[in-house]
């Protein structure tokens, strides 16, 4: 990536795009909680023990909520870091960002499927669907980076070190989530563990890239 030539500070054009994206991220992350349902107890067994059992039986929903919540949250943090270095937009960037937002809004659906079927014989297919969603999400995120980190869109104060590290780290996104998807055919729990480990990895990555 060539170094930028110093010049007058251009007006930042990404305000509307960032505001729209923030709204989509906020809605998607809020919809996740709708998967949590109030336990329905038999009229003859409304006791503290029965309620506790009903709440504990929703553990797949809790796991799906936490994993998807932090995945979307970390995507938003990365999105913010990326656009701090971009000052101009063009149709390619808008469409690449739109494709990413499509996947972000879709995440609550595979999360609900996973929560519904994680304790059933269909758990592996539910996990294939869930982790496969993040394969596409990772691809679209990498396309956003390619579209946004073109020299003509970067700001004069853009961190070229951040650009380089982000481009490098995000190459691993699609193959890592593909590994999680393939693992789901063998063991749903293994795939879920990989997906959980990945959002921790991405959280560490954005912290290192920002500090560096």
Protein backbone atom coordinates (compact mmCIF):
# COMPACT_ATOMS: atom_id res chain seq x y z
CA UNK A 1 0.00 0.00 0.00
CA UNK A 2 1.64 3.30 -1.08
CA UNK A 3 2.09 6.07 1.43
CA UNK A 4 -0.28 9.00 1.12
CA UNK A 5 0.97 12.38 0.01
CA UNK A 6 0.40 15.12 2.58
CA UNK A 7 -2.05 17.78 1.51
CA UNK A 8 -5.03 19.84 2.64
CA UNK A 9 -7.49 18.04 4.90
CA UNK A 10 -10.49 17.02 2.75
CA UNK A 11 -14.02 17.13 4.07
CA UNK A 12 -15.05 13.76 5.51
CA UNK A 13 -17.82 12.33 3.32
CA UNK A 14 -18.62 9.19 5.27
CA UNK A 15 -20.92 10.68 7.92
CA UNK A 16 -24.21 9.49 6.44
CA UNK A 17 -22.82 6.05 5.62
CA UNK A 18 -21.50 5.62 9.16
CA UNK A 19 -24.74 6.85 10.75
CA UNK A 20 -26.81 4.47 8.63
CA UNK A 21 -24.47 1.58 9.45
CA UNK A 22 -24.58 2.35 13.19
CA UNK A 23 -28.39 2.17 13.05
CA UNK A 24 -28.32 -1.22 11.34
CA UNK A 25 -25.80 -2.59 13.84
CA UNK A 26 -27.92 -1.31 16.73
CA UNK A 27 -31.13 -2.87 15.40
CA UNK A 28 -29.48 -6.22 14.68
CA UNK A 29 -27.87 -6.46 18.09
CA UNK A 30 -31.18 -5.54 19.76
CA UNK A 31 -33.15 -8.17 17.84
CA UNK A 32 -30.97 -10.90 19.32
CA UNK A 33 -32.62 -10.59 22.71
CA UNK A 34 -36.03 -11.39 21.20
CA UNK A 35 -34.94 -15.03 21.07
CA UNK A 36 -35.18 -15.17 24.87
CA UNK A 37 -38.65 -16.33 25.89
CA UNK A 38 -40.41 -16.32 29.25
CA UNK A 39 -40.69 -19.96 30.40
CA UNK A 40 -44.23 -21.33 30.26
CA UNK A 41 -44.95 -23.43 33.35
CA UNK A 42 -47.87 -25.81 33.90
CA UNK A 43 -50.52 -24.30 36.13
CA UNK A 44 -49.98 -27.17 38.56
CA UNK A 45 -46.22 -26.60 38.86
CA UNK A 46 -45.60 -22.88 39.33
CA UNK A 47 -42.77 -23.14 41.83
CA UNK A 48 -39.32 -21.57 42.19
CA UNK A 49 -37.73 -24.88 41.24
CA UNK A 50 -39.83 -25.25 38.11
CA UNK A 51 -39.08 -21.69 37.04
CA UNK A 52 -35.36 -22.18 37.62
CA UNK A 53 -35.47 -25.35 35.53
CA UNK A 54 -37.35 -23.54 32.76
CA UNK A 55 -34.80 -20.74 32.73
CA UNK A 56 -31.88 -23.17 32.66
CA UNK A 57 -33.43 -25.08 29.78
CA UNK A 58 -32.97 -21.98 27.64
CA UNK A 59 -29.16 -22.27 27.78
CA UNK A 60 -28.86 -22.62 23.97
CA UNK A 61 -30.54 -19.23 23.63
CA UNK A 62 -28.11 -17.70 26.13
CA UNK A 63 -25.11 -19.12 24.28
CA UNK A 64 -26.44 -17.96 20.91
CA UNK A 65 -27.18 -14.50 22.30
CA UNK A 66 -23.71 -14.05 23.83
CA UNK A 67 -21.81 -15.38 20.80
CA UNK A 68 -23.83 -13.38 18.25
CA UNK A 69 -23.93 -10.25 20.43
CA UNK A 70 -20.18 -10.06 20.82
CA UNK A 71 -19.61 -10.99 17.18
CA UNK A 72 -21.80 -8.09 16.02
CA UNK A 73 -20.34 -5.77 18.67
CA UNK A 74 -16.79 -6.53 17.53
CA UNK A 75 -17.79 -6.08 13.88
CA UNK A 76 -19.13 -2.64 14.82
CA UNK A 77 -15.88 -1.76 16.63
CA UNK A 78 -13.85 -2.86 13.60
CA UNK A 79 -16.22 -0.97 11.30
CA UNK A 80 -15.66 2.18 13.36
CA UNK A 81 -11.89 1.71 13.27
CA UNK A 82 -11.93 1.23 9.51
CA UNK A 83 -13.97 4.35 8.83
CA UNK A 84 -11.77 6.50 11.04
CA UNK A 85 -9.22 6.14 8.26
CA UNK A 86 -11.59 6.77 5.34
CA UNK A 87 -12.69 10.26 4.35
CA UNK A 88 -14.31 9.72 0.93
CA UNK A 89 -16.93 7.38 -0.49
CA UNK A 90 -17.92 6.01 -3.87
CA UNK A 91 -20.50 3.49 -5.14
CA UNK A 92 -18.15 0.51 -4.64
CA UNK A 93 -17.71 1.38 -0.96
CA UNK A 94 -21.46 1.90 -0.48
CA UNK A 95 -22.34 -1.46 -2.06
CA UNK A 96 -19.59 -3.30 -0.16
CA UNK A 97 -20.84 -1.76 3.09
CA UNK A 98 -24.42 -2.63 2.14
CA UNK A 99 -23.52 -6.28 1.60
CA UNK A 100 -21.93 -6.40 5.04
CA UNK A 101 -25.02 -4.82 6.61
CA UNK A 102 -27.18 -7.42 4.87
CA UNK A 103 -25.32 -10.15 6.74
CA UNK A 104 -25.42 -8.20 10.02
CA UNK A 105 -29.22 -7.93 9.83
CA UNK A 106 -29.43 -11.66 8.98
CA UNK A 107 -27.47 -12.83 12.05
CA UNK A 108 -30.48 -12.93 14.45
CA UNK A 109 -32.17 -15.56 12.24
CA UNK A 110 -29.47 -18.27 12.32
CA UNK A 111 -29.04 -17.42 16.01
CA UNK A 112 -32.69 -18.31 16.64
CA UNK A 113 -32.36 -21.49 14.55
CA UNK A 114 -29.31 -22.51 16.57
CA UNK A 115 -31.08 -21.85 19.87
CA UNK A 116 -34.09 -23.91 18.77
CA UNK A 117 -32.17 -26.96 17.53
CA UNK A 118 -28.91 -27.09 19.51
CA UNK A 119 -30.33 -29.76 21.85
CA UNK A 120 -31.83 -31.87 19.05
CA UNK A 121 -30.48 -34.38 16.51
CA UNK A 122 -30.49 -31.50 14.00
CA UNK A 123 -27.87 -29.60 16.03
CA UNK A 124 -25.09 -30.13 13.51
CA UNK A 125 -27.11 -28.71 10.61
CA UNK A 126 -28.22 -25.77 12.75
CA UNK A 127 -24.56 -25.08 13.50
CA UNK A 128 -23.61 -25.43 9.83
CA UNK A 129 -26.22 -22.78 9.03
CA UNK A 130 -25.03 -20.54 11.87
CA UNK A 131 -21.29 -20.72 11.18
CA UNK A 132 -21.86 -20.62 7.42
CA UNK A 133 -23.54 -17.26 7.90
CA UNK A 134 -20.30 -15.92 9.32
CA UNK A 135 -18.31 -17.28 6.37
CA UNK A 136 -20.29 -14.93 4.13
CA UNK A 137 -20.08 -12.15 6.72
CA UNK A 138 -16.28 -12.46 6.84
CA UNK A 139 -16.08 -12.40 3.03
CA UNK A 140 -18.17 -9.24 2.83
CA UNK A 141 -16.14 -7.63 5.62
CA UNK A 142 -12.95 -8.29 3.69
CA UNK A 143 -14.54 -6.83 0.56
CA UNK A 144 -15.42 -3.72 2.59
CA UNK A 145 -11.79 -3.40 3.62
CA UNK A 146 -10.61 -3.73 0.03
CA UNK A 147 -13.15 -1.13 -1.11
CA UNK A 148 -12.48 1.31 1.73
CA UNK A 149 -8.71 1.11 1.91
CA UNK A 150 -8.10 2.31 -1.63
CA UNK A 151 -5.67 5.20 -1.72
CA UNK A 152 -8.18 7.68 -3.16
CA UNK A 153 -10.61 7.14 -0.25
CA UNK A 154 -8.17 7.19 2.66
CA UNK A 155 -7.71 10.38 4.65
CA UNK A 156 -4.36 12.19 4.87
CA UNK A 157 -4.08 11.18 8.54
CA UNK A 158 -4.92 7.52 7.90
CA UNK A 159 -2.72 5.06 9.79
CA UNK A 160 -0.98 2.99 7.16
CA UNK A 161 0.11 0.58 9.87
CA UNK A 162 -3.54 0.03 10.83
CA UNK A 163 -4.46 -0.44 7.16
CA UNK A 164 -1.71 -3.01 6.66
CA UNK A 165 -2.47 -4.98 9.81
CA UNK A 166 -6.23 -4.95 9.19
CA UNK A 167 -5.84 -6.17 5.61
CA UNK A 168 -3.55 -8.92 6.82
CA UNK A 169 -5.66 -10.13 9.77
CA UNK A 170 -8.95 -10.14 7.87
CA UNK A 171 -7.60 -12.55 5.28
CA UNK A 172 -7.98 -15.21 7.95
CA UNK A 173 -11.69 -14.53 8.50
CA UNK A 174 -13.29 -16.58 5.70
CA UNK A 175 -11.08 -19.69 6.07
CA UNK A 176 -11.40 -19.71 9.87
CA UNK A 177 -15.19 -19.54 9.75
CA UNK A 178 -15.16 -22.13 6.97
CA UNK A 179 -13.23 -24.39 9.36
CA UNK A 180 -15.96 -23.82 11.96
CA UNK A 181 -18.60 -24.72 9.37
CA UNK A 182 -16.82 -27.93 8.40
CA UNK A 183 -16.35 -28.79 12.08
CA UNK A 184 -20.12 -28.53 12.54
CA UNK A 185 -20.60 -31.60 10.35
CA UNK A 186 -18.60 -33.54 12.95
CA UNK A 187 -19.62 -31.91 16.24
CA UNK A 188 -21.87 -28.89 16.79
CA UNK A 189 -20.20 -28.10 20.10
CA UNK A 190 -16.76 -27.98 18.49
CA UNK A 191 -18.02 -25.58 15.83
CA UNK A 192 -19.66 -23.37 18.45
CA UNK A 193 -16.42 -23.34 20.45
CA UNK A 194 -14.52 -22.21 17.34
CA UNK A 195 -17.02 -19.41 16.67
CA UNK A 196 -16.74 -18.28 20.29
CA UNK A 197 -12.96 -18.37 20.08
CA UNK A 198 -13.06 -16.31 16.89
CA UNK A 199 -14.90 -13.35 18.39
CA UNK A 200 -12.32 -13.36 21.17
CA UNK A 201 -9.60 -13.42 18.51
CA UNK A 202 -11.15 -10.50 16.63
CA UNK A 203 -11.49 -8.53 19.88
CA UNK A 204 -7.78 -9.04 20.51
CA UNK A 205 -6.95 -8.12 16.91
CA UNK A 206 -8.74 -4.77 16.93
CA UNK A 207 -7.11 -3.90 20.27
CA UNK A 208 -3.61 -4.66 18.96
CA UNK A 209 -4.21 -2.89 15.64
CA UNK A 210 -5.51 0.23 17.34
CA UNK A 211 -2.73 0.43 19.91
CA UNK A 212 0.02 -0.19 17.39
